[in-house]
Protein backbone atom coordinates (compact mmCIF):
# COMPACT_ATOMS: atom_id res chain seq x y z
CA UNK A 1 -10.06 11.14 -10.68
CA UNK A 2 -9.57 8.45 -13.02
CA UNK A 3 -12.48 7.50 -15.85
CA UNK A 4 -11.11 3.56 -16.76
CA UNK A 5 -12.39 2.60 -19.82
CA UNK A 6 -13.00 -0.57 -22.45
CA UNK A 7 -14.30 -0.28 -26.17
CA UNK A 8 -14.89 -2.88 -28.18
CA UNK A 9 -15.36 -2.15 -32.02
CA UNK A 10 -16.52 -3.02 -35.10
CA UNK A 11 -13.21 -4.05 -36.27
CA UNK A 12 -12.47 -2.88 -40.16
CA UNK A 13 -10.13 -0.31 -41.87
CA UNK A 14 -8.03 2.15 -39.66
CA UNK A 15 -10.29 5.05 -38.52
CA UNK A 16 -13.48 3.61 -39.80
CA UNK A 17 -13.97 1.08 -36.80
CA UNK A 18 -17.42 1.81 -35.12
CA UNK A 19 -18.21 1.23 -30.94
CA UNK A 20 -20.14 -1.30 -30.58
CA UNK A 21 -19.58 -1.24 -26.22
CA UNK A 22 -18.44 1.08 -23.77
CA UNK A 23 -17.85 0.64 -20.35
CA UNK A 24 -16.52 3.33 -17.96
CA UNK A 25 -15.67 3.02 -14.33
CA UNK A 26 -15.06 6.49 -12.45
CA UNK A 27 -12.18 5.77 -10.10
CA UNK A 28 -11.40 8.52 -7.65
CA UNK A 29 -7.90 6.48 -6.64
CA UNK A 30 -9.84 3.99 -3.84
CA UNK A 31 -13.04 3.17 -4.58
CA UNK A 32 -15.33 3.23 -7.95
CA UNK A 33 -17.84 6.20 -7.60
CA UNK A 34 -19.61 6.10 -10.73
CA UNK A 35 -20.22 3.54 -13.70
CA UNK A 36 -21.72 3.99 -17.73
CA UNK A 37 -21.88 0.75 -19.30
CA UNK A 38 -23.76 0.78 -22.68
CA UNK A 39 -23.94 -1.26 -26.16
CA UNK A 40 -23.65 0.90 -28.74
CA UNK A 41 -25.13 0.74 -32.82
CA UNK A 42 -22.12 1.45 -34.58
CA UNK A 43 -24.82 1.42 -38.15
CA UNK A 44 -21.63 -0.20 -39.79
CA UNK A 45 -21.85 -4.05 -39.82
CA UNK A 46 -19.64 -6.07 -37.32
CA UNK A 47 -16.54 -7.57 -38.78
CA UNK A 48 -17.12 -12.19 -38.35
CA UNK A 49 -13.57 -12.44 -36.29
CA UNK A 50 -14.90 -9.73 -33.79
CA UNK A 51 -18.40 -11.20 -33.60
CA UNK A 52 -16.53 -14.00 -32.44
CA UNK A 53 -14.23 -12.83 -30.27
CA UNK A 54 -16.74 -10.75 -28.34
CA UNK A 55 -19.92 -12.43 -28.45
CA UNK A 56 -21.75 -9.45 -29.97
CA UNK A 57 -23.80 -9.79 -33.18
CA UNK A 58 -24.98 -7.14 -35.70
CA UNK A 59 -28.69 -8.35 -34.31
CA UNK A 60 -28.32 -7.77 -30.29
CA UNK A 61 -27.46 -3.94 -31.47
CA UNK A 62 -30.15 -2.84 -33.80
CA UNK A 63 -32.27 -1.46 -30.75
CA UNK A 64 -28.88 -0.31 -28.72
CA UNK A 65 -28.28 3.83 -28.89
CA UNK A 66 -26.37 5.26 -31.43
CA UNK A 67 -23.23 6.96 -30.54
CA UNK A 68 -24.67 10.73 -30.53
CA UNK A 69 -26.97 9.49 -28.25
CA UNK A 70 -24.53 8.24 -25.37
CA UNK A 71 -21.92 11.31 -26.00
CA UNK A 72 -23.16 13.51 -24.02
CA UNK A 73 -22.90 10.72 -20.89
CA UNK A 74 -19.31 10.11 -22.16
CA UNK A 75 -18.56 13.39 -21.62
CA UNK A 76 -19.83 13.68 -17.99
CA UNK A 77 -18.30 10.13 -17.29
CA UNK A 78 -15.10 12.07 -18.39
CA UNK A 79 -14.87 15.72 -17.48
CA UNK A 80 -11.77 16.37 -15.47
CA UNK A 81 -11.01 12.79 -15.63
CA UNK A 82 -7.33 11.12 -16.67
CA UNK A 83 -8.28 8.78 -18.92
CA UNK A 84 -6.62 5.12 -18.07
CA UNK A 85 -7.52 2.29 -20.49
CA UNK A 86 -4.88 -1.08 -21.51
CA UNK A 87 -3.49 -0.15 -24.65
CA UNK A 88 -4.87 3.67 -23.76
CA UNK A 89 -3.92 4.68 -27.28
CA UNK A 90 -6.58 2.69 -29.30
CA UNK A 91 -9.14 3.29 -26.89
CA UNK A 92 -8.72 7.19 -27.17
CA UNK A 93 -8.26 7.69 -30.98
CA UNK A 94 -11.98 5.27 -31.25
CA UNK A 95 -13.51 7.97 -29.10
CA UNK A 96 -11.48 10.97 -30.44
CA UNK A 97 -13.05 9.20 -34.01
CA UNK A 98 -16.14 9.32 -33.40
CA UNK A 99 -16.45 12.82 -31.38
CA UNK A 100 -14.68 14.34 -34.62
CA UNK A 101 -17.78 12.71 -36.66
CA UNK A 102 -19.92 14.79 -34.50
CA UNK A 103 -18.15 18.28 -34.45
CA UNK A 104 -16.79 18.14 -31.22
CA UNK A 105 -13.10 18.17 -29.91
CA UNK A 106 -12.46 15.11 -27.39
CA UNK A 107 -9.60 15.86 -25.19
CA UNK A 108 -8.16 14.23 -22.15
CA UNK A 109 -5.33 13.57 -20.79
CA UNK A 110 -4.35 9.26 -20.93
CA UNK A 111 -2.68 6.43 -18.71
CA UNK A 112 -1.94 3.13 -20.23
CA UNK A 113 -2.35 0.31 -17.93
CA UNK A 114 0.45 -1.34 -20.36
CA UNK A 115 2.72 0.99 -19.95
CA UNK A 116 2.43 1.10 -16.10
CA UNK A 117 2.67 -2.64 -16.26
CA UNK A 118 5.82 -2.57 -17.97
CA UNK A 119 7.50 -0.09 -15.67
CA UNK A 120 6.31 -1.24 -12.37
CA UNK A 121 5.70 -5.43 -13.02
CA UNK A 122 8.95 -5.53 -15.18
CA UNK A 123 9.40 -9.75 -14.18
CA UNK A 124 5.86 -10.23 -15.94
CA UNK A 125 6.48 -12.38 -19.46
CA UNK A 126 3.10 -10.34 -20.89
CA UNK A 127 1.90 -7.49 -20.42
CA UNK A 128 -1.76 -8.14 -22.35
CA UNK A 129 -4.05 -7.99 -19.99
CA UNK A 130 -5.77 -11.38 -19.74
CA UNK A 131 -2.36 -13.09 -19.03
CA UNK A 132 -1.28 -9.88 -16.83
CA UNK A 133 -4.89 -10.77 -14.49
CA UNK A 134 -4.09 -14.76 -14.36
CA UNK A 135 -0.82 -13.85 -13.27
CA UNK A 136 -1.65 -11.44 -10.47
CA UNK A 137 -4.88 -13.72 -9.41
CA UNK A 138 -7.34 -10.76 -10.33
CA UNK A 139 -11.08 -12.74 -11.21
CA UNK A 140 -12.27 -11.74 -14.71
CA UNK A 141 -15.55 -12.42 -15.98
CA UNK A 142 -16.84 -11.66 -19.71
CA UNK A 143 -13.27 -11.52 -21.02
CA UNK A 144 -13.49 -9.32 -24.73
CA UNK A 145 -16.37 -7.57 -23.28
CA UNK A 146 -16.60 -3.79 -22.11
CA UNK A 147 -17.34 -4.16 -18.78
CA UNK A 148 -15.47 -7.32 -17.84
CA UNK A 149 -12.61 -5.83 -19.20
CA UNK A 150 -12.91 -2.01 -17.68
CA UNK A 151 -13.21 -3.69 -14.41
CA UNK A 152 -10.13 -5.89 -14.57
CA UNK A 153 -8.43 -2.76 -15.73
CA UNK A 154 -9.55 -0.75 -12.68
CA UNK A 155 -8.79 -3.74 -9.98
CA UNK A 156 -5.53 -3.76 -12.36
CA UNK A 157 -5.28 -0.12 -11.67
CA UNK A 158 -5.15 -0.19 -8.42
CA UNK A 159 -2.43 -2.50 -7.91
CA UNK A 160 -0.25 -0.59 -9.95
CA UNK A 161 -1.18 2.70 -7.51
CA UNK A 162 0.02 0.15 -4.66
CA UNK A 163 3.23 -0.55 -6.28
CA UNK A 164 4.24 2.88 -7.60
CA UNK A 165 6.19 4.14 -4.20
CA UNK A 166 7.36 7.01 -5.96
CA UNK A 167 3.61 8.22 -6.70
CA UNK A 168 4.77 9.04 -10.52
CA UNK A 169 1.30 8.48 -10.83
CA UNK A 170 -0.30 10.69 -8.21
CA UNK A 171 2.15 13.52 -8.90
CA UNK A 172 1.29 13.57 -12.75
CA UNK A 173 -2.77 13.38 -11.80
CA UNK A 174 -1.84 16.95 -9.21
CA UNK A 175 0.07 18.59 -11.99
CA UNK A 176 -2.96 18.25 -13.86
CA UNK A 177 -5.28 19.77 -11.78
CA UNK A 178 -2.27 22.62 -11.06
CA UNK A 179 -2.66 23.32 -14.95
CA UNK A 180 -6.62 23.71 -14.84
CA UNK A 181 -5.85 26.14 -11.58
CA UNK A 182 -7.75 24.23 -9.32
CA UNK A 183 -6.52 24.80 -5.82
CA UNK A 184 -8.54 23.73 -2.99
CA UNK A 185 -8.23 25.60 0.65
CA UNK A 186 -7.67 23.49 3.56
CA UNK A 187 -11.00 22.83 4.56
CA UNK A 188 -11.79 21.91 1.71
CA UNK A 189 -8.80 19.36 1.36
CA UNK A 190 -9.76 18.16 4.95
CA UNK A 191 -13.12 17.08 3.89
CA UNK A 192 -12.29 14.78 1.65
CA UNK A 193 -10.24 12.77 3.86
CA UNK A 194 -11.76 9.76 5.82
CA UNK A 195 -11.44 8.43 9.46
CA UNK A 196 -9.48 5.69 8.36
CA UNK A 197 -5.95 4.22 8.93
CA UNK A 198 -3.54 4.62 6.21
CA UNK A 199 -1.02 6.97 5.11
CA UNK A 200 -1.16 10.33 3.72
CA UNK A 201 0.93 12.39 1.87
CA UNK A 202 1.24 16.13 1.77
CA UNK A 203 2.22 18.15 -1.81
CA UNK A 204 3.22 21.27 -2.71
CA UNK A 205 1.96 23.38 -5.48
CA UNK A 206 4.36 21.56 -7.98
CA UNK A 207 2.66 18.48 -7.09
CA UNK A 208 6.31 17.07 -4.75
CA UNK A 209 6.17 15.71 -1.82
CA UNK A 210 6.83 18.14 1.24
CA UNK A 211 5.97 15.14 3.82
CA UNK A 212 4.59 11.54 4.38
CA UNK A 213 3.04 10.25 7.57
CA UNK A 214 0.86 7.50 9.30
CA UNK A 215 -2.28 7.70 11.33
CA UNK A 216 -5.19 5.52 12.40
CA UNK A 217 -7.30 8.86 11.37
CA UNK A 218 -5.72 9.96 8.69
CA UNK A 219 -7.90 13.29 9.04
CA UNK A 220 -7.82 14.39 12.45
CA UNK A 221 -3.96 14.00 11.52
CA UNK A 222 -3.92 16.47 8.82
CA UNK A 223 -6.11 18.25 10.75
CA UNK A 224 -3.35 19.01 13.51
CA UNK A 225 -1.01 19.79 10.97
CA UNK A 226 -3.40 22.55 9.63
CA UNK A 227 -3.80 23.94 12.84
CA UNK A 228 -0.95 23.19 14.48
CA UNK A 229 1.99 26.17 15.87
CA UNK A 230 5.17 24.56 15.52
CA UNK A 231 7.62 25.84 13.00
CA UNK A 232 6.89 22.62 10.83
CA UNK A 233 3.36 22.75 11.13
CA UNK A 234 3.48 26.26 10.03
CA UNK A 235 5.96 25.51 7.19
CA UNK A 236 3.34 22.92 5.80
CA UNK A 237 0.29 25.11 6.23
CA UNK A 238 2.15 27.82 3.70
CA UNK A 239 2.79 25.46 1.39
CA UNK A 240 0.52 22.89 1.33
CA UNK A 241 -1.70 22.53 -2.15
CA UNK A 242 -3.37 19.44 -1.55
CA UNK A 243 -3.19 15.92 0.08
CA UNK A 244 -3.52 12.62 -1.17
CA UNK A 245 -3.56 9.34 0.98
CA UNK A 246 -4.23 5.88 0.86
CA UNK A 247 -5.78 3.46 3.39
CA UNK A 248 -4.15 0.74 4.65
CA UNK A 249 -6.75 -0.55 7.53
CA UNK A 250 -3.72 -2.41 8.43
CA UNK A 251 -2.05 -0.41 10.96
CA UNK A 252 1.40 -2.92 10.38
CA UNK A 253 1.17 -1.79 6.22
CA UNK A 254 0.88 2.03 7.72
CA UNK A 255 4.38 1.56 9.27
CA UNK A 256 6.04 -0.62 6.69
CA UNK A 257 4.37 2.11 4.09
CA UNK A 258 5.52 4.66 6.14
CA UNK A 259 8.77 4.09 6.91
CA UNK A 260 9.64 2.78 3.11
CA UNK A 261 8.53 5.62 1.43
CA UNK A 262 9.88 8.54 3.56
CA UNK A 263 13.41 6.68 2.55
CA UNK A 264 12.26 6.36 -0.99
CA UNK A 265 10.80 9.79 -1.68
CA UNK A 266 13.11 12.23 0.84
CA UNK A 267 9.87 14.83 1.81
CA UNK A 268 11.92 17.80 3.44
CA UNK A 269 9.56 18.17 6.16
CA UNK A 270 10.38 14.20 7.10
CA UNK A 271 14.00 15.13 7.79
CA UNK A 272 14.48 13.61 10.99
CA UNK A 273 12.56 10.15 9.84
CA UNK A 274 14.58 9.85 6.75
CA UNK A 275 17.67 7.86 8.81
CA UNK A 276 16.58 4.78 11.26
CA UNK A 277 13.99 6.25 14.05
CA UNK A 278 15.01 3.12 16.18
CA UNK A 279 17.75 5.36 17.95
CA UNK A 280 17.82 2.30 21.12
CA UNK A 281 18.30 -1.47 21.09
CA UNK A 282 18.66 -4.36 23.05
CA UNK A 283 21.64 -6.06 23.32
CA UNK A 284 22.65 -9.35 24.80
CA UNK A 285 25.88 -9.75 27.08
CA UNK A 286 27.32 -12.40 29.14
CA UNK A 287 28.65 -11.48 32.56
CA UNK A 288 31.39 -12.66 34.40
CA UNK A 289 29.42 -15.12 36.37
CA UNK A 290 28.25 -16.85 32.84
CA UNK A 291 24.58 -15.08 33.17
CA UNK A 292 22.90 -13.31 29.72
CA UNK A 293 22.32 -10.15 30.79
CA UNK A 294 20.16 -7.37 28.40
CA UNK A 295 21.15 -3.95 28.42
CA UNK A 296 19.67 -1.30 26.04
CA UNK A 297 22.11 0.83 24.30
CA UNK A 298 22.44 3.24 21.56
CA UNK A 299 21.89 1.50 18.55
CA UNK A 300 25.08 0.20 16.67
CA UNK A 301 25.19 -1.32 13.43
CA UNK A 302 28.28 -3.57 14.50
CA UNK A 303 26.43 -5.53 17.19
CA UNK A 304 23.51 -8.05 16.67
CA UNK A 305 20.54 -6.80 18.45
CA UNK A 306 17.50 -8.29 19.43
CA UNK A 307 15.31 -5.40 18.93
CA UNK A 308 15.09 -1.78 19.18
CA UNK A 309 12.99 1.06 19.64
CA UNK A 310 12.20 4.82 18.89
CA UNK A 311 13.28 6.04 22.39
CA UNK A 312 14.74 4.87 25.77
CA UNK A 313 11.49 5.03 27.93
CA UNK A 314 9.83 2.62 25.18
CA UNK A 315 12.71 0.50 25.50
CA UNK A 316 12.55 0.32 29.43
CA UNK A 317 8.57 -0.16 29.11
CA UNK A 318 9.01 -2.83 26.72
CA UNK A 319 12.06 -4.19 29.19
CA UNK A 320 9.92 -4.52 32.11
CA UNK A 321 7.24 -6.59 29.87
CA UNK A 322 9.75 -9.20 28.66
CA UNK A 323 11.12 -9.24 31.85
CA UNK A 324 7.85 -10.64 33.37
CA UNK A 325 6.67 -13.04 30.15
CA UNK A 326 9.99 -14.34 29.99
CA UNK A 327 10.68 -14.46 34.42
CA UNK A 328 14.13 -12.89 33.95
CA UNK A 329 15.38 -10.82 36.73
CA UNK A 330 15.38 -7.18 36.67
CA UNK A 331 18.79 -7.06 38.09
CA UNK A 332 20.44 -8.96 34.73
CA UNK A 333 18.01 -6.94 32.80
CA UNK A 334 19.47 -3.67 34.08
CA UNK A 335 15.80 -2.36 35.50
CA UNK A 336 17.19 -2.60 39.27
CA UNK A 337 20.35 -1.94 39.77
CA UNK A 338 22.20 -3.54 43.02
CA UNK A 339 25.39 -5.97 43.86
CA UNK A 340 22.81 -8.12 45.86
CA UNK A 341 19.69 -9.64 45.22
CA UNK A 342 16.81 -7.69 42.87
CA UNK A 343 13.83 -5.68 44.40
CA UNK A 344 11.93 -8.39 42.72
CA UNK A 345 13.36 -11.08 44.62
CA UNK A 346 12.29 -9.60 48.20
CA UNK A 347 9.13 -9.55 47.24
CA UNK A 348 9.16 -13.06 45.91
CA UNK A 349 8.11 -12.05 42.26
CA UNK A 350 11.88 -13.40 41.33
CA UNK A 351 13.04 -16.68 41.46
CA UNK A 352 16.37 -16.11 42.15
CA UNK A 353 18.59 -15.83 39.85
CA UNK A 354 20.51 -12.79 41.30
CA UNK A 355 21.72 -15.05 43.83
CA UNK A 356 22.47 -18.13 42.19
CA UNK A 357 19.37 -20.55 43.04
CA UNK A 358 18.72 -20.50 39.59
CA UNK A 359 21.63 -22.04 37.20
CA UNK A 360 23.27 -20.29 34.51
CA UNK A 361 21.67 -23.21 31.99
CA UNK A 362 18.31 -22.44 32.89
CA UNK A 363 18.50 -19.03 33.41
CA UNK A 364 20.28 -18.82 29.87
CA UNK A 365 17.61 -20.64 28.52
CA UNK A 366 15.07 -18.12 29.02
CA UNK A 367 16.72 -15.53 27.50
CA UNK A 368 17.46 -17.33 24.33
CA UNK A 369 14.06 -18.15 24.33
CA UNK A 370 13.39 -14.16 24.11
CA UNK A 371 15.78 -14.15 21.35
CA UNK A 372 14.13 -16.64 19.23
CA UNK A 373 10.64 -15.04 19.52
CA UNK A 374 12.50 -11.49 18.13
CA UNK A 375 14.15 -13.41 15.57
CA UNK A 376 13.16 -13.66 12.08
CA UNK A 377 16.59 -15.95 10.99
CA UNK A 378 15.34 -18.42 8.33
CA UNK A 379 11.22 -17.69 9.28
CA UNK A 380 8.69 -18.18 6.21
CA UNK A 381 5.58 -16.22 7.32
CA UNK A 382 2.56 -14.34 6.50
CA UNK A 383 1.20 -11.87 8.85
CA UNK A 384 -2.61 -11.71 7.78
CA UNK A 385 -4.63 -8.93 8.88
CA UNK A 386 -7.91 -6.61 7.85
CA UNK A 387 -7.42 -5.25 4.77
CA UNK A 388 -9.19 -2.11 3.41
CA UNK A 389 -12.65 -2.94 2.87
CA UNK A 390 -14.98 -5.53 4.25
CA UNK A 391 -14.23 -8.14 1.58
CA UNK A 392 -10.51 -7.52 1.71
CA UNK A 393 -7.54 -8.83 3.48
CA UNK A 394 -3.85 -7.74 4.45
CA UNK A 395 -0.55 -9.79 4.40
CA UNK A 396 3.10 -8.75 5.14
CA UNK A 397 5.73 -11.87 3.65
CA UNK A 398 8.56 -12.59 5.46
CA UNK A 399 10.62 -15.33 4.02
CA UNK A 400 13.98 -16.64 5.11
CA UNK A 401 14.06 -14.39 7.69
CA UNK A 402 13.65 -11.21 5.46
CA UNK A 403 11.08 -8.77 4.67
CA UNK A 404 9.89 -9.15 1.09
CA UNK A 405 6.99 -6.69 1.21
CA UNK A 406 2.77 -6.50 1.38
CA UNK A 407 0.09 -6.88 -0.12
CA UNK A 408 -3.55 -6.62 -0.27
CA UNK A 409 -5.82 -9.03 -1.54
CA UNK A 410 -9.41 -10.52 -1.76
CA UNK A 411 -9.00 -14.21 -2.86
CA UNK A 412 -7.76 -17.01 -0.24
CA UNK A 413 -6.00 -18.56 -3.35
CA UNK A 414 -3.76 -15.37 -3.92
CA UNK A 415 -2.72 -15.72 -0.06
CA UNK A 416 -2.02 -19.70 -0.42
CA UNK A 417 -0.34 -19.74 -3.86
CA UNK A 418 3.12 -18.50 -3.32
CA UNK A 419 4.15 -17.51 -6.70
CA UNK A 420 0.36 -15.92 -7.28
CA UNK A 421 1.39 -13.46 -3.84
CA UNK A 422 4.55 -12.90 -5.08
CA UNK A 423 3.29 -10.94 -8.82
CA UNK A 424 1.18 -9.06 -6.57
CA UNK A 425 3.24 -8.31 -3.72
CA UNK A 426 4.24 -4.56 -3.55
CA UNK A 427 8.41 -5.88 -3.36
CA UNK A 428 9.87 -3.47 0.10
CA UNK A 429 13.17 -2.95 1.17
CA UNK A 430 14.52 -5.46 4.34
CA UNK A 431 16.03 -2.86 7.02
CA UNK A 432 17.08 -2.45 10.37
CA UNK A 433 13.29 -0.24 10.79
CA UNK A 434 10.91 -2.69 8.96
CA UNK A 435 12.30 -5.92 10.95
CA UNK A 436 11.62 -3.64 14.44
CA UNK A 437 8.36 -2.18 12.92
CA UNK A 438 7.31 -6.36 12.73
CA UNK A 439 8.61 -7.63 15.59
CA UNK A 440 6.81 -4.45 17.73
CA UNK A 441 3.68 -5.56 15.95
CA UNK A 442 4.01 -9.55 16.92
CA UNK A 443 4.55 -8.57 20.46
CA UNK A 444 1.30 -6.95 20.41
CA UNK A 445 -0.17 -10.11 19.78
CA UNK A 446 -3.88 -9.17 18.75
CA UNK A 447 -5.87 -8.83 15.12
CA UNK A 448 -3.76 -10.63 13.22
CA UNK A 449 -2.91 -14.59 12.41
CA UNK A 450 0.56 -15.79 11.13
CA UNK A 451 0.87 -18.27 8.77
CA UNK A 452 3.93 -20.22 8.30
CA UNK A 453 5.44 -21.79 5.30
């Protein structure tokens, strides 16, 4: 759990400032679960430049609660949390100073979104809160007021969690729970998981990732790990300490994240998936009569494939659909072995390429259309789908035929402005696996729209 806060102060000499306003949003890594916002009477005058900056003046604070009156609520809000703030050293120092005046030792682990943004958004020219949110298209109200700045920090932190593909932020939080001796049982772990689409991460007692998976129902899939009787399931059951997750809403993004993060983090129980999971591919091959044949073969990186598959059977199933969709001949797609006419021709479902009634030019144009549909070469497109919430959308960016990454967004101008889109996108590797995942998703042809640019 994270306590994301912002504090406004009176200004003045170091360690003599007083709090004028505080806002805390309790964030569980997915959504805000509690909040506390209050003006605070600092019992000392506000510096004039601060009044001009925040709009908070001495008269507004006369009837506001003093710090000792809100101290208990602050402790309740931040208990067992990591304190998150933009320039966390400042906010944490102010809080510790106020609590020290009350004789209480306020002590929490902190995370600074300035430092995180420098690491995860190194391309940004400025890491001030105002300039960052503008560059990332994050809507912001009440700038230099505690609630507005804290809420903007929540949205920034959410974006930084998405960009942290090595899961260092989450691992640090798990290590904190380990230090406190919080060891949940399997049933407790399951109770905190959603029946939603996304990626889940199984951690051991050191906080290290031992397995990454994706599912349309995270809770149901993790339960299968916990109740399974295979050797790998039993090993996971012995080693699991906790399970974290990221909802995606989009199955496409779940597949892409799983593929990328397995390769990046190399969990020991994902050995089979660290390498390419697409072992079979579809290749075009010209026969002696000049007809373009399609052949499913073991994937060969030296040859240019049309698309690839996780298994031979999956390839055959898709090839049957392709043959029908593009009016191809089963003889020339390898689905019907014969030296004469194919079976489909005999039942009048093939128009006769196999017996020469369709010219090579006409037939090969159909195969070329299939290849073009499955090729990203020179393609600029955004695949838009539902997001993690009702108001959110997700997008996958392909530019000049290269997969660039994915993004979640709330506002249309974030997706329509290509510069903002590139700032907020979670960058990912372009490889054969990602291309095949995207191609397979597009073949389904439902639940998404494509924006070409």
